[in-house]
């Protein structure tokens, strides 16, 4: 939990199709927890939590868009975009997060998954952060 986040939101959801939905949270609260106080030496901004504290509460407007769809019979995408606009800070502190997973069943026994996460949160880092992964799996269906 350094950092750890808990987000609650009240708002509206728009779901025009089975595979896409869009949520607007006009009353969104996000708590940021930094329980390991030794990380302040490596992260001077302390993820937006004030020095000497372990908790921060933000009220914000949030938009979350998700898509979960089969692109082809053996190719599936699951993607999520989250926009977080805090009410108490300037627009420079808007955070963006994209999570995407592309799964493919190559044949009866082999599956491949590629995923990536991109994050821009000025409380975490002044630069865009990203991570990606690829997995190769063997599938076997028991009779």
Protein backbone atom coordinates (compact mmCIF):
# COMPACT_ATOMS: atom_id res chain seq x y z
CA UNK A 1 0.00 0.00 0.00
CA UNK A 2 2.68 2.47 -0.93
CA UNK A 3 0.89 3.79 -2.84
CA UNK A 4 -2.49 2.15 -2.53
CA UNK A 5 -5.69 3.61 -3.93
CA UNK A 6 -9.36 3.22 -3.04
CA UNK A 7 -11.89 4.94 -5.31
CA UNK A 8 -15.63 5.37 -4.80
CA UNK A 9 -17.82 7.08 -7.36
CA UNK A 10 -21.43 8.19 -7.81
CA UNK A 11 -22.57 9.09 -11.30
CA UNK A 12 -24.06 7.80 -14.55
CA UNK A 13 -23.35 4.92 -16.87
CA UNK A 14 -23.95 4.85 -20.62
CA UNK A 15 -23.93 1.43 -22.28
CA UNK A 16 -24.83 1.73 -25.98
CA UNK A 17 -23.65 -1.80 -26.86
CA UNK A 18 -22.93 -5.07 -25.08
CA UNK A 19 -19.14 -4.61 -25.37
CA UNK A 20 -18.71 -0.88 -24.54
CA UNK A 21 -19.62 1.23 -21.55
CA UNK A 22 -18.86 4.74 -20.39
CA UNK A 23 -19.16 5.90 -16.78
CA UNK A 24 -19.22 9.48 -15.54
CA UNK A 25 -18.53 10.00 -11.85
CA UNK A 26 -19.41 13.51 -10.76
CA UNK A 27 -18.97 12.67 -7.09
CA UNK A 28 -15.78 10.62 -6.99
CA UNK A 29 -13.63 10.20 -3.90
CA UNK A 30 -10.16 8.65 -4.10
CA UNK A 31 -8.05 7.84 -1.09
CA UNK A 32 -4.29 7.50 -1.52
CA UNK A 33 -2.46 5.46 1.10
CA UNK A 34 1.30 5.53 1.67
CA UNK A 35 1.84 3.16 4.57
CA UNK A 36 5.59 2.68 4.10
CA UNK A 37 7.08 5.90 5.46
CA UNK A 38 10.63 4.95 4.38
CA UNK A 39 9.88 5.56 0.66
CA UNK A 40 9.97 9.33 1.06
CA UNK A 41 13.70 9.18 0.26
CA UNK A 42 12.98 7.63 -3.16
CA UNK A 43 9.73 9.50 -3.89
CA UNK A 44 9.96 13.12 -2.64
CA UNK A 45 6.40 14.00 -3.74
CA UNK A 46 5.14 11.06 -1.60
CA UNK A 47 2.35 10.42 -4.17
CA UNK A 48 0.57 13.62 -3.13
CA UNK A 49 0.32 12.60 0.54
CA UNK A 50 1.60 15.31 2.90
CA UNK A 51 4.88 14.69 4.75
CA UNK A 52 4.27 12.88 8.03
CA UNK A 53 0.87 11.57 6.90
CA UNK A 54 -0.14 8.20 5.42
CA UNK A 55 -3.48 9.17 3.82
CA UNK A 56 -4.86 11.68 1.33
CA UNK A 57 -8.44 12.20 0.15
CA UNK A 58 -9.31 13.72 -3.25
CA UNK A 59 -12.72 14.68 -4.60
CA UNK A 60 -12.94 14.63 -8.39
CA UNK A 61 -14.76 14.14 -11.64
CA UNK A 62 -14.01 10.77 -13.23
CA UNK A 63 -14.64 9.21 -16.63
CA UNK A 64 -14.07 5.50 -17.20
CA UNK A 65 -14.49 3.89 -20.63
CA UNK A 66 -14.23 0.14 -21.17
CA UNK A 67 -14.34 -2.11 -24.18
CA UNK A 68 -14.50 -5.89 -23.95
CA UNK A 69 -14.94 -7.43 -27.39
CA UNK A 70 -14.01 -10.34 -29.62
CA UNK A 71 -12.27 -8.83 -32.65
CA UNK A 72 -12.20 -12.20 -34.42
CA UNK A 73 -13.22 -15.69 -33.31
CA UNK A 74 -9.81 -16.26 -31.72
CA UNK A 75 -8.80 -12.66 -30.84
CA UNK A 76 -10.18 -10.72 -27.86
CA UNK A 77 -9.49 -7.19 -26.57
CA UNK A 78 -10.20 -5.80 -23.15
CA UNK A 79 -9.28 -2.13 -22.65
CA UNK A 80 -10.02 0.46 -19.99
CA UNK A 81 -9.34 4.22 -19.93
CA UNK A 82 -9.73 6.23 -16.72
CA UNK A 83 -9.62 10.03 -16.50
CA UNK A 84 -9.45 11.58 -13.01
CA UNK A 85 -9.88 15.37 -12.64
CA UNK A 86 -9.40 16.48 -9.01
CA UNK A 87 -11.55 19.42 -7.90
CA UNK A 88 -9.01 20.85 -5.42
CA UNK A 89 -5.97 20.95 -7.73
CA UNK A 90 -5.12 22.67 -11.01
CA UNK A 91 -5.75 21.01 -14.36
CA UNK A 92 -2.07 20.02 -14.46
CA UNK A 93 -2.94 17.26 -11.97
CA UNK A 94 -5.41 15.45 -14.21
CA UNK A 95 -4.44 11.78 -14.29
CA UNK A 96 -4.88 9.35 -17.19
CA UNK A 97 -4.60 5.57 -17.07
CA UNK A 98 -4.96 3.06 -19.91
CA UNK A 99 -5.00 -0.70 -19.37
CA UNK A 100 -5.22 -2.98 -22.39
CA UNK A 101 -5.11 -6.74 -22.85
CA UNK A 102 -5.11 -8.53 -26.20
CA UNK A 103 -5.66 -12.30 -26.03
CA UNK A 104 -5.33 -14.75 -28.91
CA UNK A 105 -5.93 -18.45 -29.13
CA UNK A 106 -3.33 -19.52 -31.68
CA UNK A 107 -4.54 -23.10 -31.96
CA UNK A 108 -6.16 -25.79 -29.83
CA UNK A 109 -3.21 -25.90 -27.42
CA UNK A 110 -1.51 -22.47 -27.49
CA UNK A 111 -2.73 -19.05 -26.31
CA UNK A 112 -0.90 -15.72 -26.30
CA UNK A 113 -1.71 -12.63 -24.21
CA UNK A 114 -0.18 -9.17 -24.55
CA UNK A 115 -1.00 -6.48 -21.99
CA UNK A 116 0.08 -2.96 -21.25
CA UNK A 117 -0.59 -0.18 -18.78
CA UNK A 118 0.17 3.49 -19.31
CA UNK A 119 -0.19 6.03 -16.52
CA UNK A 120 0.20 9.78 -16.28
CA UNK A 121 -0.28 11.03 -12.74
CA UNK A 122 1.71 14.11 -11.73
CA UNK A 123 1.48 13.08 -8.05
CA UNK A 124 3.35 9.89 -8.94
CA UNK A 125 5.82 11.14 -11.56
CA UNK A 126 6.18 14.13 -13.90
CA UNK A 127 6.61 11.68 -16.80
CA UNK A 128 4.40 9.07 -18.42
CA UNK A 129 4.92 5.60 -16.98
CA UNK A 130 4.28 2.33 -18.73
CA UNK A 131 4.56 -1.38 -18.39
CA UNK A 132 3.90 -4.22 -20.79
CA UNK A 133 3.87 -7.97 -20.65
CA UNK A 134 3.48 -10.99 -22.88
CA UNK A 135 2.53 -14.48 -21.88
CA UNK A 136 2.42 -17.74 -23.78
CA UNK A 137 0.27 -20.51 -22.43
CA UNK A 138 -0.54 -24.11 -23.08
CA UNK A 139 -4.23 -24.99 -22.95
CA UNK A 140 -5.57 -28.41 -22.22
CA UNK A 141 -9.24 -29.18 -21.74
CA UNK A 142 -9.98 -32.16 -19.55
CA UNK A 143 -12.82 -34.36 -20.82
